[in-house]
Protein backbone atom coordinates (compact mmCIF):
# COMPACT_ATOMS: atom_id res chain seq x y z
CA MET A 1 13.56 5.95 -15.96
CA ASP A 2 16.68 7.32 -14.67
CA ALA A 3 18.82 4.39 -13.22
CA SER A 4 19.13 6.28 -9.67
CA ALA A 5 15.09 5.94 -9.14
CA GLU A 6 15.40 2.35 -9.32
CA ARG A 7 18.18 2.36 -6.74
CA ALA A 8 15.80 4.29 -3.84
CA VAL A 9 12.64 4.02 -1.81
CA ALA A 10 10.22 6.53 -3.56
CA LEU A 11 7.69 8.87 -1.86
CA GLN A 12 4.39 8.76 -3.41
CA LEU A 13 3.78 12.37 -3.52
CA TRP A 14 -0.02 12.25 -2.56
CA THR A 15 1.80 11.73 0.37
CA ILE A 16 2.27 15.73 0.60
CA ARG A 17 -0.26 17.02 -1.44
CA ASP A 18 -1.12 19.56 1.09
CA ALA A 19 2.32 20.98 1.11
CA MET A 20 2.65 20.68 -3.01
CA ALA A 21 -0.61 22.78 -2.97
CA SER A 22 1.16 25.34 -1.09
CA GLY A 23 4.39 25.29 -2.71
CA VAL A 24 5.92 22.70 -4.92
CA ASP A 25 9.82 23.87 -4.87
CA GLU A 26 9.42 24.15 -0.70
CA ALA A 27 7.41 21.00 -0.66
CA LEU A 28 10.33 18.86 -2.76
CA GLY A 29 13.24 20.47 -1.06
CA ARG A 30 11.69 18.88 1.92
CA VAL A 31 11.45 15.86 0.21
CA LYS A 32 15.32 15.87 -0.47
CA ALA A 33 16.18 16.91 3.26
CA ALA A 34 14.21 13.91 4.32
CA GLY A 35 16.43 11.69 2.55
CA PHE A 36 14.31 10.68 -0.56
CA SER A 37 15.83 10.84 -4.22
CA ALA A 38 12.96 9.63 -6.06
CA VAL A 39 9.34 10.08 -5.85
CA GLU A 40 6.42 8.73 -7.76
CA VAL A 41 4.33 11.41 -9.24
CA ALA A 42 0.32 11.82 -8.33
CA PRO A 43 -1.90 13.87 -10.17
CA LEU A 44 -1.04 17.38 -9.62
CA SER A 45 -2.74 20.25 -7.95
CA PRO A 46 -4.43 22.99 -10.27
CA GLY A 47 -2.06 25.50 -11.97
CA VAL A 48 1.05 22.90 -11.53
CA THR A 49 2.02 21.34 -14.85
CA PRO A 50 4.40 18.31 -15.45
CA LYS A 51 6.90 20.68 -16.92
CA ASP A 52 6.77 22.84 -13.41
CA LEU A 53 7.05 19.75 -11.43
CA ALA A 54 10.01 18.26 -13.55
CA GLU A 55 11.73 21.40 -13.24
CA CYS A 56 11.65 21.36 -9.56
CA LEU A 57 12.29 17.54 -9.40
CA ASP A 58 15.39 18.23 -11.39
CA ARG A 59 16.52 21.40 -9.23
CA HIS A 60 16.31 19.06 -5.88
CA GLY A 61 17.61 15.97 -7.48
CA LEU A 62 15.05 13.64 -7.39
CA ALA A 63 14.23 11.32 -9.91
CA VAL A 64 10.74 10.05 -10.90
CA ALA A 65 10.22 5.94 -10.39
CA SER A 66 6.73 5.92 -11.45
CA ILE A 67 3.55 7.96 -12.66
CA HIS A 68 0.33 7.60 -11.54
CA GLY A 69 -2.64 9.01 -13.95
CA ASP A 70 -5.53 8.19 -15.80
CA LEU A 71 -6.08 4.86 -17.95
CA PRO A 72 -4.35 5.43 -21.31
CA THR A 73 -6.70 5.40 -24.06
CA ALA A 74 -6.55 6.30 -27.85
CA ALA A 75 -7.67 9.49 -26.96
CA ASN A 76 -5.18 10.54 -23.84
CA ILE A 77 -1.99 8.64 -25.21
CA GLY A 78 -0.59 11.76 -26.77
CA GLN A 79 -0.93 13.67 -23.51
CA TRP A 80 0.67 10.28 -21.64
CA GLU A 81 3.75 10.50 -24.31
CA GLU A 82 4.45 14.29 -23.58
CA VAL A 83 3.99 13.52 -19.68
CA VAL A 84 6.84 10.55 -19.97
CA ARG A 85 8.99 12.75 -21.81
CA VAL A 86 9.07 15.49 -19.46
CA TYR A 87 9.46 13.03 -16.38
CA ARG A 88 11.99 10.78 -18.00
CA CYS A 89 10.12 7.82 -17.13
CA THR A 90 8.25 5.09 -18.70
CA LYS A 91 6.55 3.33 -16.05
CA ILE A 92 2.89 4.60 -16.11
CA ILE A 93 0.10 3.33 -13.38
CA TRP A 94 -3.60 3.36 -13.45
CA HIS A 95 -4.24 4.89 -9.98
CA GLY A 96 -7.66 2.72 -9.94
CA TRP A 97 -9.30 5.51 -8.25
CA PRO A 98 -12.46 6.20 -7.57
CA ARG A 99 -14.31 2.94 -7.49
CA ASP A 100 -15.49 1.89 -10.64
CA PRO A 101 -19.10 0.53 -10.34
CA ARG A 102 -18.59 -2.65 -12.58
CA PHE A 103 -16.86 -3.84 -9.62
CA ASP A 104 -20.52 -4.96 -8.72
CA SER A 105 -20.86 -7.61 -10.83
CA LEU A 106 -18.29 -10.60 -12.41
CA ALA A 107 -19.26 -9.21 -15.80
CA GLY A 108 -18.23 -5.91 -14.98
CA VAL A 109 -14.82 -7.09 -13.61
CA ARG A 110 -14.17 -8.63 -16.91
CA GLU A 111 -15.24 -5.60 -18.73
CA LEU A 112 -12.69 -3.93 -16.68
CA ALA A 113 -9.90 -6.50 -17.45
CA GLU A 114 -10.79 -5.82 -20.96
CA ALA A 115 -10.22 -2.07 -20.53
CA TYR A 116 -7.20 -2.75 -18.71
CA GLU A 117 -5.69 -5.10 -21.39
CA GLY A 118 -6.70 -2.40 -23.83
CA ALA A 119 -4.53 0.41 -22.08
CA GLY A 120 -1.90 -2.03 -22.01
CA ALA A 121 -1.67 -2.54 -25.23
CA ILE A 122 -2.21 1.06 -26.18
CA ALA A 123 1.04 1.68 -23.90
CA ARG A 124 3.13 -0.81 -24.99
CA ASP A 125 2.79 -0.01 -28.33
CA ARG A 126 4.55 3.39 -27.48
CA GLY A 127 7.31 1.76 -25.62
CA LEU A 128 5.83 2.66 -22.21
CA ARG A 129 5.55 0.06 -19.15
CA PHE A 130 1.78 -0.26 -18.02
CA GLY A 131 0.74 -1.44 -14.34
CA ILE A 132 -2.42 -1.28 -12.01
CA HIS A 133 -2.70 -0.16 -8.66
CA ASN A 134 -5.40 -1.80 -5.94
CA HIS A 135 -7.23 -0.18 -3.51
CA TRP A 136 -9.74 -2.70 -1.09
CA TRP A 137 -12.37 -3.26 -3.51
CA GLU A 138 -10.25 -5.27 -5.96
CA PHE A 139 -9.92 -7.85 -2.93
CA ASP A 140 -13.95 -7.66 -2.10
CA PRO A 141 -15.12 -10.92 -3.66
CA VAL A 142 -17.39 -10.71 -6.77
CA GLU A 143 -19.62 -13.81 -6.86
CA GLY A 144 -16.79 -15.63 -5.06
CA THR A 145 -13.80 -14.40 -6.49
CA TRP A 146 -11.46 -11.65 -6.06
CA PRO A 147 -11.26 -9.04 -9.03
CA ILE A 148 -7.88 -8.87 -8.49
CA ARG A 149 -7.58 -12.76 -9.15
CA ILE A 150 -9.28 -12.26 -12.36
CA PHE A 151 -7.22 -9.30 -13.57
CA ASN A 152 -4.08 -11.56 -12.94
CA GLU A 153 -5.56 -14.46 -14.95
CA ARG A 154 -6.62 -12.35 -17.80
CA LEU A 155 -4.11 -9.66 -18.50
CA HIS A 156 -1.19 -9.67 -20.63
CA PRO A 157 1.99 -10.64 -18.90
CA ASP A 158 3.60 -7.29 -19.58
CA ILE A 159 1.05 -5.44 -17.51
CA PHE A 160 2.36 -5.36 -14.21
CA CYS A 161 1.07 -5.24 -10.18
CA GLN A 162 1.60 -2.37 -8.03
CA LEU A 163 0.52 -3.94 -4.85
CA ASP A 164 -0.81 -1.80 -2.12
CA VAL A 165 -0.31 -3.75 1.06
CA TYR A 166 -2.41 -1.64 3.38
CA TRP A 167 -5.73 -1.69 1.11
CA ALA A 168 -5.26 -5.55 1.13
CA ARG A 169 -5.19 -5.66 4.49
CA THR A 170 -8.12 -3.18 4.76
CA ALA A 171 -10.43 -5.67 2.35
CA GLY A 172 -9.55 -8.20 5.19
CA VAL A 173 -6.62 -10.17 3.01
CA ASP A 174 -3.32 -11.15 4.49
CA PRO A 175 -0.93 -9.13 2.23
CA ALA A 176 1.62 -11.64 2.01
CA ASP A 177 -0.77 -14.20 0.44
CA ALA A 178 -1.80 -11.50 -2.00
CA LEU A 179 1.73 -10.93 -2.71
CA GLN A 180 2.47 -14.63 -3.25
CA GLU A 181 -0.36 -15.04 -5.60
CA LEU A 182 0.65 -11.73 -7.44
CA MET A 183 4.41 -12.22 -7.58
CA PRO A 184 5.02 -13.26 -11.10
CA ARG A 185 3.30 -10.13 -12.15
CA LEU A 186 4.23 -7.93 -9.10
CA GLY A 187 6.37 -4.79 -10.17
CA SER A 188 6.06 -2.16 -7.58
CA LEU A 189 4.86 -1.96 -3.99
CA HIS A 190 2.99 0.61 -1.98
CA TRP A 191 4.46 0.24 1.55
CA LYS A 192 1.78 1.71 4.26
CA ASN A 193 1.16 0.87 7.78
CA GLY A 194 -1.25 1.46 10.25
CA PRO A 195 -4.56 0.17 11.76
CA ALA A 196 -6.16 -1.22 8.09
CA VAL A 197 -9.43 0.51 9.36
CA HIS A 198 -11.08 2.79 6.66
CA GLY A 199 -11.32 6.55 8.30
CA GLU A 200 -8.49 5.94 10.73
CA PRO A 201 -4.75 7.26 10.11
CA MET A 202 -1.92 5.77 8.81
CA THR A 203 1.25 5.36 10.22
CA ALA A 204 5.07 5.37 9.61
CA LEU A 205 6.23 1.81 8.94
CA GLY A 206 6.76 -0.58 11.72
CA GLN A 207 4.27 0.94 13.81
CA GLY A 208 0.78 -0.64 12.53
CA THR A 209 -0.66 -4.04 12.22
CA ILE A 210 0.94 -4.89 8.53
CA GLU A 211 3.75 -7.49 9.15
CA ILE A 212 6.16 -5.58 6.89
CA PRO A 213 8.97 -8.02 7.88
CA ARG A 214 7.29 -11.16 6.44
CA ILE A 215 6.27 -9.34 3.22
CA HIS A 216 9.78 -8.34 2.52
CA ARG A 217 10.88 -11.81 3.26
CA LEU A 218 8.76 -13.15 0.69
CA LEU A 219 10.08 -10.99 -2.00
CA ALA A 220 10.97 -13.24 -4.76
CA HIS A 221 12.23 -10.99 -7.23
CA PRO A 222 13.06 -7.39 -7.11
CA VAL A 223 10.29 -4.60 -7.42
CA ASP A 224 10.07 -0.88 -7.17
CA TRP A 225 9.39 0.39 -3.37
CA VAL A 226 7.09 3.27 -2.82
CA ILE A 227 5.87 4.73 0.31
CA GLU A 228 2.73 6.39 0.95
CA LEU A 229 0.41 7.87 3.47
CA ASP A 230 -3.07 8.74 2.24
CA GLU A 231 -3.93 9.92 5.89
CA CYS A 232 -1.76 10.81 8.84
CA ALA A 233 -2.18 11.95 12.40
CA THR A 234 1.19 13.41 12.51
CA ASP A 235 3.74 15.21 9.70
CA PRO A 236 3.16 12.92 6.66
CA LEU A 237 6.46 13.63 5.65
CA GLU A 238 8.68 12.89 8.84
CA ALA A 239 6.40 9.63 8.89
CA ALA A 240 7.29 8.81 5.57
CA ARG A 241 10.88 9.41 6.31
CA GLN A 242 10.91 7.20 9.23
CA GLY A 243 9.23 4.71 7.05
CA ARG A 244 12.12 4.93 4.58
CA LEU A 245 14.82 4.34 7.31
CA TYR A 246 12.75 1.44 8.19
CA LEU A 247 12.92 -0.24 5.08
CA GLU A 248 16.42 0.67 4.49
CA SER A 249 17.11 -1.19 7.72
CA LEU A 250 15.38 -4.35 6.61
CA ARG A 251 17.31 -4.57 3.54
CA ASP A 252 20.71 -3.86 5.39
CA ALA A 253 19.89 -6.74 7.87
CA SER A 254 18.89 -9.12 5.71
CA GLY A 255 22.24 -8.67 3.53
CA GLN A 256 20.47 -8.31 0.38
CA ALA A 257 21.37 -6.33 -2.52
CA ASP A 258 19.12 -3.24 -3.10
CA PRO A 259 16.14 -5.19 -3.79
CA ARG A 260 15.06 -2.91 -7.07
CA PRO A 261 16.10 -3.63 -10.26
CA SER A 262 19.18 -1.71 -11.44
């Protein structure tokens, strides 16, 4: 990964998917103007190729911090290798959407753990760093146990967790508790805020129910920071810009060095 991506708060491009569908180059120009220097790549709009996006990212001086995509398999790892080459980023993340019906049972969750373990091994063999991203169902108890706890216990230590603090809170879990439990595996954070209620729009960081400063204080080692708004009642990029400034103010007030790896 380009080192500049690791020194910046990244924007998950799903936040601006409507703008991206209307015009990738113009949308990324606005991302740069909003003060971002790195992005996390989301599944692309129809008709846009990774090469197209990479060229636009280069034109606007935007690095790639990580890539959301399908679970790596023997059948698609060649495509993954091409994608990471084009984006010059080896950090790939299973986006986890939509909910897999195997979350309905403990046996199914264990099957998912095996699938993630296999995906991690395939990625590792190709020199890629593989992580998993959560939604709310990873924190919905199955036979009394969080699925994400099972993943944490069973997966190879090289498989990192990208903790989405908002979806954890939506599931009724204190994100700070989740962060502390997952800390040894934590490699990335999805920062979001809002009411943490299904169907209601998200807000800029600092304007919702998520205790962002408390989570920030609990971080024990450097991780990537990514801002995402899945739904927003205002301009999502402006809300993301405000969130970036908010996170940077927390970092500056703490007197810490930049929290992401260098």
